[in-house]
Amino acid sequence: MKCSQPLCPLTQALSVIGGKWKPLIIYYLDGSNKRFGQLDAIIPGISRKVLTTQLNELRRDKLIERKAYAETPPRVEYSLTSKGQELLPILNSIGSWGMYLVDKYKAESSGNKSED
């Protein structure tokens, strides 16, 4: 894979899903729609302003969709689009690799050096 800015495929992908919060939002939307308040409650440490910004960016990139219901009080739900669902196996692989790194770190910290 050749990467020449700005058309580097890796740079393009990371510009869409990079950062601390977007992968978590996608992860928590897997399998069920969530309301803003639910996402706010289950994602530790995210501010409401940042959550709003990240949701808008994910919508702009067509990874999630927002459905507003004509009810009182108003209800809005977020869900993954098919494009967002395509990311799940990739994020799961990254998560598995992350678990490997955590386990390796724990082993090294306890004095059991693993060789890779």
PDB file of N, CA and C in Angstrom:
ATOM      1  N   MET A   1       0.855  -1.173   0.000  1.00  0.00           N
ATOM      2  CA  MET A   1       0.000   0.000   0.000  1.00  0.00           C
ATOM      3  C   MET A   1       0.897   1.230   0.000  1.00  0.00           C
ATOM      4  N   LYS A   2       0.718   2.058  -0.999  1.00  0.00           N
ATOM      5  CA  LYS A   2       1.464   3.316  -1.055  1.00  0.00           C
ATOM      6  C   LYS A   2       0.659   4.403  -0.388  1.00  0.00           C
ATOM      7  N   CYS A   3       1.360   5.215   0.377  1.00  0.00           N
ATOM      8  CA  CYS A   3       0.692   6.325   1.061  1.00  0.00           C
ATOM      9  C   CYS A   3       1.318   7.633   0.630  1.00  0.00           C
ATOM     10  N   SER A   4       0.597   8.330  -0.221  1.00  0.00           N
ATOM     11  CA  SER A   4       1.012   9.686  -0.573  1.00  0.00           C
ATOM     12  C   SER A   4      -0.132  10.610  -0.185  1.00  0.00           C
ATOM     13  N   GLN A   5       0.169  11.548   0.677  1.00  0.00           N
ATOM     14  CA  GLN A   5      -0.854  12.446   1.190  1.00  0.00           C
ATOM     15  C   GLN A   5      -1.482  13.221   0.058  1.00  0.00           C
ATOM     16  N   PRO A   6      -2.751  13.563   0.051  1.00  0.00           N
ATOM     17  CA  PRO A   6      -3.777  13.184   1.022  1.00  0.00           C
ATOM     18  C   PRO A   6      -4.514  11.900   0.654  1.00  0.00           C
ATOM     19  N   LEU A   7      -4.028  11.152  -0.319  1.00  0.00           N
ATOM     20  CA  LEU A   7      -4.773   9.988  -0.794  1.00  0.00           C
ATOM     21  C   LEU A   7      -4.301   8.673  -0.192  1.00  0.00           C
ATOM     22  N   CYS A   8      -3.662   8.715   0.925  1.00  0.00           N
ATOM     23  CA  CYS A   8      -3.228   7.503   1.605  1.00  0.00           C
ATOM     24  C   CYS A   8      -4.449   6.780   2.167  1.00  0.00           C
ATOM     25  N   PRO A   9      -4.677   5.531   1.791  1.00  0.00           N
ATOM     26  CA  PRO A   9      -5.853   4.815   2.298  1.00  0.00           C
ATOM     27  C   PRO A   9      -5.882   4.717   3.827  1.00  0.00           C
ATOM     28  N   LEU A  10      -4.737   4.514   4.445  1.00  0.00           N
ATOM     29  CA  LEU A  10      -4.697   4.418   5.902  1.00  0.00           C
ATOM     30  C   LEU A  10      -5.076   5.754   6.541  1.00  0.00           C
ATOM     31  N   THR A  11      -4.550   6.843   6.002  1.00  0.00           N
ATOM     32  CA  THR A  11      -4.886   8.170   6.520  1.00  0.00           C
ATOM     33  C   THR A  11      -6.373   8.446   6.355  1.00  0.00           C
ATOM     34  N   GLN A  12      -6.932   8.060   5.214  1.00  0.00           N
ATOM     35  CA  GLN A  12      -8.359   8.266   4.981  1.00  0.00           C
ATOM     36  C   GLN A  12      -9.201   7.482   5.980  1.00  0.00           C
ATOM     37  N   ALA A  13      -8.840   6.215   6.200  1.00  0.00           N
ATOM     38  CA  ALA A  13      -9.601   5.382   7.139  1.00  0.00           C
ATOM     39  C   ALA A  13      -9.524   5.944   8.550  1.00  0.00           C
ATOM     40  N   LEU A  14      -8.328   6.316   8.982  1.00  0.00           N
ATOM     41  CA  LEU A  14      -8.168   6.823  10.341  1.00  0.00           C
ATOM     42  C   LEU A  14      -8.826   8.182  10.529  1.00  0.00           C
ATOM     43  N   SER A  15      -8.947   8.956   9.459  1.00  0.00           N
ATOM     44  CA  SER A  15      -9.636  10.242   9.587  1.00  0.00           C
ATOM     45  C   SER A  15     -11.126  10.039   9.864  1.00  0.00           C
ATOM     46  N   VAL A  16     -11.666   8.902   9.447  1.00  0.00           N
ATOM     47  CA  VAL A  16     -13.082   8.615   9.659  1.00  0.00           C
ATOM     48  C   VAL A  16     -13.331   7.959  11.014  1.00  0.00           C
ATOM     49  N   ILE A  17     -12.474   7.029  11.438  1.00  0.00           N
ATOM     50  CA  ILE A  17     -12.738   6.288  12.677  1.00  0.00           C
ATOM     51  C   ILE A  17     -11.697   6.524  13.759  1.00  0.00           C
ATOM     52  N   GLY A  18     -10.728   7.393  13.484  1.00  0.00           N
ATOM     53  CA  GLY A  18      -9.661   7.621  14.449  1.00  0.00           C
ATOM     54  C   GLY A  18     -10.144   8.360  15.678  1.00  0.00           C
ATOM     55  N   GLY A  19      -9.328   8.325  16.679  1.00  0.00           N
ATOM     56  CA  GLY A  19      -9.642   9.031  17.915  1.00  0.00           C
ATOM     57  C   GLY A  19     -10.078   8.083  19.007  1.00  0.00           C
ATOM     58  N   LYS A  20     -10.305   8.659  20.141  1.00  0.00           N
ATOM     59  CA  LYS A  20     -10.621   7.896  21.341  1.00  0.00           C
ATOM     60  C   LYS A  20     -12.067   7.416  21.378  1.00  0.00           C
ATOM     61  N   TRP A  21     -12.979   8.182  20.823  1.00  0.00           N
ATOM     62  CA  TRP A  21     -14.397   7.935  21.074  1.00  0.00           C
ATOM     63  C   TRP A  21     -15.143   7.228  19.955  1.00  0.00           C
ATOM     64  N   LYS A  22     -14.803   7.477  18.715  1.00  0.00           N
ATOM     65  CA  LYS A  22     -15.580   6.913  17.605  1.00  0.00           C
ATOM     66  C   LYS A  22     -15.636   5.390  17.628  1.00  0.00           C
ATOM     67  N   PRO A  23     -14.513   4.698  17.837  1.00  0.00           N
ATOM     68  CA  PRO A  23     -14.620   3.229  17.903  1.00  0.00           C
ATOM     69  C   PRO A  23     -15.530   2.757  19.041  1.00  0.00           C
ATOM     70  N   LEU A  24     -15.512   3.459  20.170  1.00  0.00           N
ATOM     71  CA  LEU A  24     -16.391   3.080  21.282  1.00  0.00           C
ATOM     72  C   LEU A  24     -17.861   3.306  20.940  1.00  0.00           C
ATOM     73  N   ILE A  25     -18.149   4.416  20.293  1.00  0.00           N
ATOM     74  CA  ILE A  25     -19.535   4.685  19.894  1.00  0.00           C
ATOM     75  C   ILE A  25     -20.017   3.597  18.949  1.00  0.00           C
ATOM     76  N   ILE A  26     -19.195   3.264  17.968  1.00  0.00           N
ATOM     77  CA  ILE A  26     -19.563   2.206  17.015  1.00  0.00           C
ATOM     78  C   ILE A  26     -19.762   0.885  17.759  1.00  0.00           C
ATOM     79  N   TYR A  27     -18.862   0.573  18.671  1.00  0.00           N
ATOM     80  CA  TYR A  27     -18.953  -0.658  19.460  1.00  0.00           C
ATOM     81  C   TYR A  27     -20.276  -0.717  20.226  1.00  0.00           C
ATOM     82  N   TYR A  28     -20.642   0.359  20.890  1.00  0.00           N
ATOM     83  CA  TYR A  28     -21.858   0.358  21.699  1.00  0.00           C
ATOM     84  C   TYR A  28     -23.135   0.379  20.868  1.00  0.00           C
ATOM     85  N   LEU A  29     -23.045   0.766  19.600  1.00  0.00           N
ATOM     86  CA  LEU A  29     -24.224   0.732  18.734  1.00  0.00           C
ATOM     87  C   LEU A  29     -24.400  -0.626  18.059  1.00  0.00           C
ATOM     88  N   ASP A  30     -23.427  -1.505  18.214  1.00  0.00           N
ATOM     89  CA  ASP A  30     -23.532  -2.837  17.625  1.00  0.00           C
ATOM     90  C   ASP A  30     -24.675  -3.600  18.279  1.00  0.00           C
ATOM     91  N   GLY A  31     -25.619  -4.005  17.475  1.00  0.00           N
ATOM     92  CA  GLY A  31     -26.696  -4.851  17.979  1.00  0.00           C
ATOM     93  C   GLY A  31     -27.942  -4.142  18.448  1.00  0.00           C
ATOM     94  N   SER A  32     -27.835  -2.851  18.798  1.00  0.00           N
ATOM     95  CA  SER A  32     -29.050  -2.158  19.240  1.00  0.00           C
ATOM     96  C   SER A  32     -28.911  -0.654  19.088  1.00  0.00           C
ATOM     97  N   ASN A  33     -30.045  -0.043  18.825  1.00  0.00           N
ATOM     98  CA  ASN A  33     -30.106   1.412  18.753  1.00  0.00           C
ATOM     99  C   ASN A  33     -29.926   1.985  20.153  1.00  0.00           C
ATOM    100  N   LYS A  34     -29.359   3.170  20.219  1.00  0.00           N
ATOM    101  CA  LYS A  34     -29.171   3.826  21.514  1.00  0.00           C
ATOM    102  C   LYS A  34     -29.614   5.281  21.404  1.00  0.00           C
ATOM    103  N   ARG A  35     -30.152   5.767  22.517  1.00  0.00           N
ATOM    104  CA  ARG A  35     -30.469   7.180  22.626  1.00  0.00           C
ATOM    105  C   ARG A  35     -29.222   7.910  23.102  1.00  0.00           C
ATOM    106  N   PHE A  36     -29.220   9.227  22.919  1.00  0.00           N
ATOM    107  CA  PHE A  36     -28.070  10.040  23.314  1.00  0.00           C
ATOM    108  C   PHE A  36     -27.726   9.816  24.786  1.00  0.00           C
ATOM    109  N   GLY A  37     -28.722   9.853  25.640  1.00  0.00           N
ATOM    110  CA  GLY A  37     -28.493   9.684  27.071  1.00  0.00           C
ATOM    111  C   GLY A  37     -27.904   8.324  27.418  1.00  0.00           C
ATOM    112  N   GLN A  38     -28.310   7.289  26.686  1.00  0.00           N
ATOM    113  CA  GLN A  38     -27.752   5.960  26.917  1.00  0.00           C
ATOM    114  C   GLN A  38     -26.266   5.933  26.556  1.00  0.00           C
ATOM    115  N   LEU A  39     -25.927   6.515  25.413  1.00  0.00           N
ATOM    116  CA  LEU A  39     -24.518   6.571  25.007  1.00  0.00           C
ATOM    117  C   LEU A  39     -23.705   7.376  26.005  1.00  0.00           C
ATOM    118  N   ASP A  40     -24.268   8.474  26.449  1.00  0.00           N
ATOM    119  CA  ASP A  40     -23.593   9.318  27.435  1.00  0.00           C
ATOM    120  C   ASP A  40     -23.328   8.543  28.724  1.00  0.00           C
ATOM    121  N   ALA A  41     -24.271   7.702  29.113  1.00  0.00           N
ATOM    122  CA  ALA A  41     -24.144   6.955  30.367  1.00  0.00           C
ATOM    123  C   ALA A  41     -23.162   5.787  30.259  1.00  0.00           C
ATOM    124  N   ILE A  42     -23.073   5.145  29.101  1.00  0.00           N
ATOM    125  CA  ILE A  42     -22.245   3.932  29.007  1.00  0.00           C
ATOM    126  C   ILE A  42     -20.827   4.190  28.523  1.00  0.00           C
ATOM    127  N   ILE A  43     -20.547   5.399  28.044  1.00  0.00           N
ATOM    128  CA  ILE A  43     -19.184   5.713  27.599  1.00  0.00           C
ATOM    129  C   ILE A  43     -18.532   6.564  28.678  1.00  0.00           C
ATOM    130  N   PRO A  44     -17.666   5.947  29.478  1.00  0.00           N
ATOM    131  CA  PRO A  44     -17.081   6.682  30.604  1.00  0.00           C
ATOM    132  C   PRO A  44     -16.125   7.775  30.147  1.00  0.00           C
ATOM    133  N   GLY A  45     -16.283   8.953  30.724  1.00  0.00           N
ATOM    134  CA  GLY A  45     -15.337  10.038  30.494  1.00  0.00           C
ATOM    135  C   GLY A  45     -15.610  10.938  29.309  1.00  0.00           C
ATOM    136  N   ILE A  46     -16.631  10.644  28.528  1.00  0.00           N
ATOM    137  CA  ILE A  46     -16.918  11.502  27.371  1.00  0.00           C
ATOM    138  C   ILE A  46     -17.847  12.638  27.816  1.00  0.00           C
ATOM    139  N   SER A  47     -17.560  13.844  27.345  1.00  0.00           N
ATOM    140  CA  SER A  47     -18.452  14.967  27.662  1.00  0.00           C
ATOM    141  C   SER A  47     -19.607  14.970  26.662  1.00  0.00           C
ATOM    142  N   ARG A  48     -20.682  15.595  27.044  1.00  0.00           N
ATOM    143  CA  ARG A  48     -21.850  15.660  26.161  1.00  0.00           C
ATOM    144  C   ARG A  48     -21.518  16.420  24.877  1.00  0.00           C
ATOM    145  N   LYS A  49     -20.697  17.454  24.995  1.00  0.00           N
ATOM    146  CA  LYS A  49     -20.307  18.231  23.815  1.00  0.00           C
ATOM    147  C   LYS A  49     -19.491  17.373  22.845  1.00  0.00           C
ATOM    148  N   VAL A  50     -18.529  16.627  23.369  1.00  0.00           N
ATOM    149  CA  VAL A  50     -17.700  15.771  22.517  1.00  0.00           C
ATOM    150  C   VAL A  50     -18.552  14.655  21.915  1.00  0.00           C
ATOM    151  N   LEU A  51     -19.460  14.080  22.702  1.00  0.00           N
ATOM    152  CA  LEU A  51     -20.339  13.042  22.171  1.00  0.00           C
ATOM    153  C   LEU A  51     -21.164  13.578  21.006  1.00  0.00           C
ATOM    154  N   THR A  52     -21.703  14.768  21.164  1.00  0.00           N
ATOM    155  CA  THR A  52     -22.481  15.389  20.085  1.00  0.00           C
ATOM    156  C   THR A  52     -21.633  15.569  18.838  1.00  0.00           C
ATOM    157  N   THR A  53     -20.416  16.073  19.003  1.00  0.00           N
ATOM    158  CA  THR A  53     -19.515  16.289  17.870  1.00  0.00           C
ATOM    159  C   THR A  53     -19.182  14.970  17.183  1.00  0.00           C
ATOM    160  N   GLN A  54     -18.848  13.953  17.975  1.00  0.00           N
ATOM    161  CA  GLN A  54     -18.477  12.655  17.400  1.00  0.00           C
ATOM    162  C   GLN A  54     -19.660  12.018  16.680  1.00  0.00           C
ATOM    163  N   LEU A  55     -20.854  12.108  17.253  1.00  0.00           N
ATOM    164  CA  LEU A  55     -22.042  11.571  16.593  1.00  0.00           C
ATOM    165  C   LEU A  55     -22.290  12.284  15.273  1.00  0.00           C
ATOM    166  N   ASN A  56     -22.137  13.606  15.247  1.00  0.00           N
ATOM    167  CA  ASN A  56     -22.340  14.357  14.007  1.00  0.00           C
ATOM    168  C   ASN A  56     -21.319  13.965  12.945  1.00  0.00           C
ATOM    169  N   GLU A  57     -20.066  13.745  13.354  1.00  0.00           N
ATOM    170  CA  GLU A  57     -19.034  13.338  12.398  1.00  0.00           C
ATOM    171  C   GLU A  57     -19.304  11.930  11.871  1.00  0.00           C
ATOM    172  N   LEU A  58     -19.729  11.030  12.737  1.00  0.00           N
ATOM    173  CA  LEU A  58     -20.057   9.678  12.288  1.00  0.00           C
ATOM    174  C   LEU A  58     -21.259   9.694  11.343  1.00  0.00           C
ATOM    175  N   ARG A  59     -22.207  10.580  11.590  1.00  0.00           N
ATOM    176  CA  ARG A  59     -23.351  10.736  10.675  1.00  0.00           C
ATOM    177  C   ARG A  59     -22.893  11.306   9.343  1.00  0.00           C
ATOM    178  N   ARG A  60     -22.030  12.315   9.395  1.00  0.00           N
ATOM    179  CA  ARG A  60     -21.502  12.928   8.171  1.00  0.00           C
ATOM    180  C   ARG A  60     -20.815  11.877   7.293  1.00  0.00           C
ATOM    181  N   ASP A  61     -20.092  10.951   7.942  1.00  0.00           N
ATOM    182  CA  ASP A  61     -19.363   9.917   7.215  1.00  0.00           C
ATOM    183  C   ASP A  61     -20.217   8.684   6.934  1.00  0.00           C
ATOM    184  N   LYS A  62     -21.509   8.776   7.256  1.00  0.00           N
ATOM    185  CA  LYS A  62     -22.502   7.744   6.967  1.00  0.00           C
ATOM    186  C   LYS A  62     -22.217   6.401   7.646  1.00  0.00           C
ATOM    187  N   LEU A  63     -21.638   6.472   8.844  1.00  0.00           N
ATOM    188  CA  LEU A  63     -21.404   5.261   9.626  1.00  0.00           C
ATOM    189  C   LEU A  63     -22.543   4.991  10.604  1.00  0.00           C
ATOM    190  N   ILE A  64     -23.238   6.057  10.991  1.00  0.00           N
ATOM    191  CA  ILE A  64     -24.411   5.913  11.848  1.00  0.00           C
ATOM    192  C   ILE A  64     -25.534   6.750  11.267  1.00  0.00           C
ATOM    193  N   GLU A  65     -26.740   6.451  11.726  1.00  0.00           N
ATOM    194  CA  GLU A  65     -27.879   7.281  11.342  1.00  0.00           C
ATOM    195  C   GLU A  65     -28.636   7.694  12.591  1.00  0.00           C
ATOM    196  N   ARG A  66     -29.317   8.802  12.466  1.00  0.00           N
ATOM    197  CA  ARG A  66     -30.081   9.389  13.563  1.00  0.00           C
ATOM    198  C   ARG A  66     -31.536   9.387  13.150  1.00  0.00           C
ATOM    199  N   LYS A  67     -32.370   8.814  14.008  1.00  0.00           N
ATOM    200  CA  LYS A  67     -33.804   8.789  13.722  1.00  0.00           C
ATOM    201  C   LYS A  67     -34.528   9.541  14.821  1.00  0.00           C
ATOM    202  N   ALA A  68     -35.248  10.583  14.413  1.00  0.00           N
ATOM    203  CA  ALA A  68     -36.031  11.379  15.357  1.00  0.00           C
ATOM    204  C   ALA A  68     -37.496  10.945  15.258  1.00  0.00           C
ATOM    205  N   TYR A  69     -38.102  10.688  16.407  1.00  0.00           N
ATOM    206  CA  TYR A  69     -39.499  10.284  16.462  1.00  0.00           C
ATOM    207  C   TYR A  69     -40.352  11.491  16.828  1.00  0.00           C
ATOM    208  N   ALA A  70     -41.505  11.600  16.192  1.00  0.00           N
ATOM    209  CA  ALA A  70     -42.429  12.707  16.458  1.00  0.00           C
ATOM    210  C   ALA A  70     -43.259  12.378  17.694  1.00  0.00           C
ATOM    211  N   GLU A  71     -42.616  12.523  18.833  1.00  0.00           N
ATOM    212  CA  GLU A  71     -43.262  12.228  20.112  1.00  0.00           C
ATOM    213  C   GLU A  71     -43.013  13.372  21.082  1.00  0.00           C
ATOM    214  N   THR A  72     -43.784  13.373  22.142  1.00  0.00           N
ATOM    215  CA  THR A  72     -43.538  14.306  23.223  1.00  0.00           C
ATOM    216  C   THR A  72     -43.332  13.490  24.484  1.00  0.00           C
ATOM    217  N   PRO A  73     -42.205  13.596  25.151  1.00  0.00           N
ATOM    218  CA  PRO A  73     -41.026  14.389  24.768  1.00  0.00           C
ATOM    219  C   PRO A  73     -40.334  13.778  23.550  1.00  0.00           C
ATOM    220  N   PRO A  74     -39.554  14.596  22.847  1.00  0.00           N
ATOM    221  CA  PRO A  74     -38.885  14.110  21.642  1.00  0.00           C
ATOM    222  C   PRO A  74     -37.946  12.935  21.958  1.00  0.00           C
ATOM    223  N   ARG A  75     -37.874  12.006  21.011  1.00  0.00           N
ATOM    224  CA  ARG A  75     -36.990  10.857  21.168  1.00  0.00           C
ATOM    225  C   ARG A  75     -36.137  10.732  19.917  1.00  0.00           C
ATOM    226  N   VAL A  76     -34.838  10.545  20.118  1.00  0.00           N
ATOM    227  CA  VAL A  76     -33.892  10.376  19.013  1.00  0.00           C
ATOM    228  C   VAL A  76     -33.077   9.126  19.300  1.00  0.00           C
ATOM    229  N   GLU A  77     -32.899   8.293  18.281  1.00  0.00           N
ATOM    230  CA  GLU A  77     -32.081   7.094  18.417  1.00  0.00           C
ATOM    231  C   GLU A  77     -31.005   7.065  17.344  1.00  0.00           C
ATOM    232  N   TYR A  78     -29.866   6.510  17.722  1.00  0.00           N
ATOM    233  CA  TYR A  78     -28.750   6.343  16.799  1.00  0.00           C
ATOM    234  C   TYR A  78     -28.556   4.862  16.536  1.00  0.00           C
ATOM    235  N   SER A  79     -28.205   4.539  15.299  1.00  0.00           N
ATOM    236  CA  SER A  79     -27.950   3.148  14.927  1.00  0.00           C
ATOM    237  C   SER A  79     -26.848   3.113  13.873  1.00  0.00           C
ATOM    238  N   LEU A  80     -26.256   1.942  13.719  1.00  0.00           N
ATOM    239  CA  LEU A  80     -25.230   1.767  12.700  1.00  0.00           C
ATOM    240  C   LEU A  80     -25.865   1.625  11.332  1.00  0.00           C
ATOM    241  N   THR A  81     -25.230   2.197  10.336  1.00  0.00           N
ATOM    242  CA  THR A  81     -25.610   1.952   8.952  1.00  0.00           C
ATOM    243  C   THR A  81     -24.904   0.674   8.503  1.00  0.00           C
ATOM    244  N   SER A  82     -25.189   0.231   7.300  1.00  0.00           N
ATOM    245  CA  SER A  82     -24.477  -0.947   6.792  1.00  0.00           C
ATOM    246  C   SER A  82     -22.988  -0.649   6.667  1.00  0.00           C
ATOM    247  N   LYS A  83     -22.647   0.572   6.306  1.00  0.00           N
ATOM    248  CA  LYS A  83     -21.237   0.975   6.238  1.00  0.00           C
ATOM    249  C   LYS A  83     -20.589   0.895   7.620  1.00  0.00           C
ATOM    250  N   GLY A  84     -21.307   1.297   8.659  1.00  0.00           N
ATOM    251  CA  GLY A  84     -20.799   1.204  10.022  1.00  0.00           C
ATOM    252  C   GLY A  84     -20.655  -0.238  10.472  1.00  0.00           C
ATOM    253  N   GLN A  85     -21.589  -1.089  10.073  1.00  0.00           N
ATOM    254  CA  GLN A  85     -21.528  -2.503  10.429  1.00  0.00           C
ATOM    255  C   GLN A  85     -20.329  -3.194   9.782  1.00  0.00           C
ATOM    256  N   GLU A  86     -19.909  -2.707   8.619  1.00  0.00           N
ATOM    257  CA  GLU A  86     -18.733  -3.278   7.951  1.00  0.00           C
ATOM    258  C   GLU A  86     -17.470  -3.096   8.793  1.00  0.00           C
ATOM    259  N   LEU A  87     -17.464  -2.101   9.674  1.00  0.00           N
ATOM    260  CA  LEU A  87     -16.299  -1.841  10.520  1.00  0.00           C
ATOM    261  C   LEU A  87     -16.181  -2.787  11.704  1.00  0.00           C
ATOM    262  N   LEU A  88     -17.257  -3.443  12.085  1.00  0.00           N
ATOM    263  CA  LEU A  88     -17.252  -4.256  13.303  1.00  0.00           C
ATOM    264  C   LEU A  88     -16.183  -5.345  13.306  1.00  0.00           C
ATOM    265  N   PRO A  89     -16.014  -6.127  12.236  1.00  0.00           N
ATOM    266  CA  PRO A  89     -14.954  -7.141  12.273  1.00  0.00           C
ATOM    267  C   PRO A  89     -13.559  -6.522  12.391  1.00  0.00           C
ATOM    268  N   ILE A  90     -13.379  -5.369  11.794  1.00  0.00           N
ATOM    269  CA  ILE A  90     -12.082  -4.683  11.870  1.00  0.00           C
ATOM    270  C   ILE A  90     -11.826  -4.220  13.296  1.00  0.00           C
ATOM    271  N   LEU A  91     -12.834  -3.602  13.911  1.00  0.00           N
ATOM    272  CA  LEU A  91     -12.682  -3.139  15.289  1.00  0.00           C
ATOM    273  C   LEU A  91     -12.518  -4.313  16.251  1.00  0.00           C
ATOM    274  N   ASN A  92     -13.202  -5.431  15.987  1.00  0.00           N
ATOM    275  CA  ASN A  92     -13.023  -6.616  16.826  1.00  0.00           C
ATOM    276  C   ASN A  92     -11.603  -7.151  16.719  1.00  0.00           C
ATOM    277  N   SER A  93     -11.033  -7.123  15.519  1.00  0.00           N
ATOM    278  CA  SER A  93      -9.644  -7.561  15.348  1.00  0.00           C
ATOM    279  C   SER A  93      -8.686  -6.644  16.091  1.00  0.00           C
ATOM    280  N   ILE A  94      -8.919  -5.351  16.010  1.00  0.00           N
ATOM    281  CA  ILE A  94      -8.085  -4.393  16.749  1.00  0.00           C
ATOM    282  C   ILE A  94      -8.232  -4.636  18.250  1.00  0.00           C
ATOM    283  N   GLY A  95      -9.446  -4.914  18.695  1.00  0.00           N
ATOM    284  CA  GLY A  95      -9.675  -5.209  20.107  1.00  0.00           C
ATOM    285  C   GLY A  95      -8.941  -6.466  20.553  1.00  0.00           C
ATOM    286  N   SER A  96      -8.935  -7.483  19.711  1.00  0.00           N
ATOM    287  CA  SER A  96      -8.199  -8.714  20.040  1.00  0.00           C
ATOM    288  C   SER A  96      -6.709  -8.441  20.137  1.00  0.00           C
ATOM    289  N   TRP A  97      -6.198  -7.660  19.226  1.00  0.00           N
ATOM    290  CA  TRP A  97      -4.783  -7.300  19.269  1.00  0.00           C
ATOM    291  C   TRP A  97      -4.493  -6.485  20.537  1.00  0.00           C
ATOM    292  N   GLY A  98      -5.398  -5.593  20.880  1.00  0.00           N
ATOM    293  CA  GLY A  98      -5.248  -4.809  22.106  1.00  0.00           C
ATOM    294  C   GLY A  98      -5.226  -5.703  23.339  1.00  0.00           C
ATOM    295  N   MET A  99      -6.064  -6.742  23.366  1.00  0.00           N
ATOM    296  CA  MET A  99      -6.067  -7.675  24.497  1.00  0.00           C
ATOM    297  C   MET A  99      -4.742  -8.424  24.568  1.00  0.00           C
ATOM    298  N   TYR A 100      -4.203  -8.802  23.418  1.00  0.00           N
ATOM    299  CA  TYR A 100      -2.884  -9.439  23.380  1.00  0.00           C
ATOM    300  C   TYR A 100      -1.843  -8.504  24.003  1.00  0.00           C
ATOM    301  N   LEU A 101      -1.884  -7.228  23.650  1.00  0.00           N
ATOM    302  CA  LEU A 101      -0.923  -6.264  24.201  1.00  0.00           C
ATOM    303  C   LEU A 101      -1.092  -6.098  25.708  1.00  0.00           C
ATOM    304  N   VAL A 102      -2.331  -6.069  26.174  1.00  0.00           N
ATOM    305  CA  VAL A 102      -2.601  -5.958  27.612  1.00  0.00           C
ATOM    306  C   VAL A 102      -2.043  -7.182  28.341  1.00  0.00           C
ATOM    307  N   ASP A 103      -2.336  -8.366  27.804  1.00  0.00           N
ATOM    308  CA  ASP A 103      -1.840  -9.598  28.430  1.00  0.00           C
ATOM    309  C   ASP A 103      -0.317  -9.633  28.441  1.00  0.00           C
ATOM    310  N   LYS A 104       0.278  -9.212  27.343  1.00  0.00           N
ATOM    311  CA  LYS A 104       1.742  -9.185  27.251  1.00  0.00           C
ATOM    312  C   LYS A 104       2.324  -8.209  28.277  1.00  0.00           C
ATOM    313  N   TYR A 105       1.703  -7.048  28.411  1.00  0.00           N
ATOM    314  CA  TYR A 105       2.158  -6.056  29.381  1.00  0.00           C
ATOM    315  C   TYR A 105       2.062  -6.607  30.802  1.00  0.00           C
ATOM    316  N   LYS A 106       0.933  -7.263  31.105  1.00  0.00           N
ATOM    317  CA  LYS A 106       0.754  -7.838  32.439  1.00  0.00           C
ATOM    318  C   LYS A 106       1.818  -8.898  32.718  1.00  0.00           C
ATOM    319  N   ALA A 107       2.092  -9.735  31.722  1.00  0.00           N
ATOM    320  CA  ALA A 107       3.099 -10.783  31.893  1.00  0.00           C
ATOM    321  C   ALA A 107       4.474 -10.170  32.113  1.00  0.00           C
ATOM    322  N   GLU A 108       4.799  -9.141  31.356  1.00  0.00           N
ATOM    323  CA  GLU A 108       6.099  -8.487  31.501  1.00  0.00           C
ATOM    324  C   GLU A 108       6.203  -7.765  32.844  1.00  0.00           C
ATOM    325  N   SER A 109       5.099  -7.183  33.284  1.00  0.00           N
ATOM    326  CA  SER A 109       5.096  -6.470  34.564  1.00  0.00           C
ATOM    327  C   SER A 109       5.259  -7.414  35.748  1.00  0.00           C
ATOM    328  N   SER A 110       4.782  -8.649  35.577  1.00  0.00           N
ATOM    329  CA  SER A 110       4.896  -9.610  36.674  1.00  0.00           C
ATOM    330  C   SER A 110       6.194 -10.395  36.622  1.00  0.00           C
ATOM    331  N   GLY A 111       7.065 -10.042  35.656  1.00  0.00           N
ATOM    332  CA  GLY A 111       8.364 -10.692  35.577  1.00  0.00           C
ATOM    333  C   GLY A 111       8.426 -11.866  34.629  1.00  0.00           C
ATOM    334  N   ASN A 112       7.306 -12.204  34.007  1.00  0.00           N
ATOM    335  CA  ASN A 112       7.280 -13.303  33.035  1.00  0.00           C
ATOM    336  C   ASN A 112       7.457 -12.735  31.641  1.00  0.00           C
ATOM    337  N   LYS A 113       8.666 -12.510  31.222  1.00  0.00           N
ATOM    338  CA  LYS A 113       8.920 -11.935  29.906  1.00  0.00           C
ATOM    339  C   LYS A 113       8.517 -12.919  28.828  1.00  0.00           C
ATOM    340  N   SER A 114       7.636 -12.489  27.916  1.00  0.00           N
ATOM    341  CA  SER A 114       7.307 -13.335  26.774  1.00  0.00           C
ATOM    342  C   SER A 114       8.094 -12.862  25.580  1.00  0.00           C
ATOM    343  N   GLU A 115       8.487 -13.811  24.757  1.00  0.00           N
ATOM    344  CA  GLU A 115       9.297 -13.462  23.587  1.00  0.00           C
ATOM    345  C   GLU A 115       8.437 -13.582  22.355  1.00  0.00           C
ATOM    346  N   ASP A 116       8.366 -12.484  21.574  1.00  0.00           N
ATOM    347  CA  ASP A 116       7.601 -12.463  20.326  1.00  0.00           C
ATOM    348  C   ASP A 116       8.385 -11.821  19.243  1.00  0.00           C
TER     349      ASP A 116
END
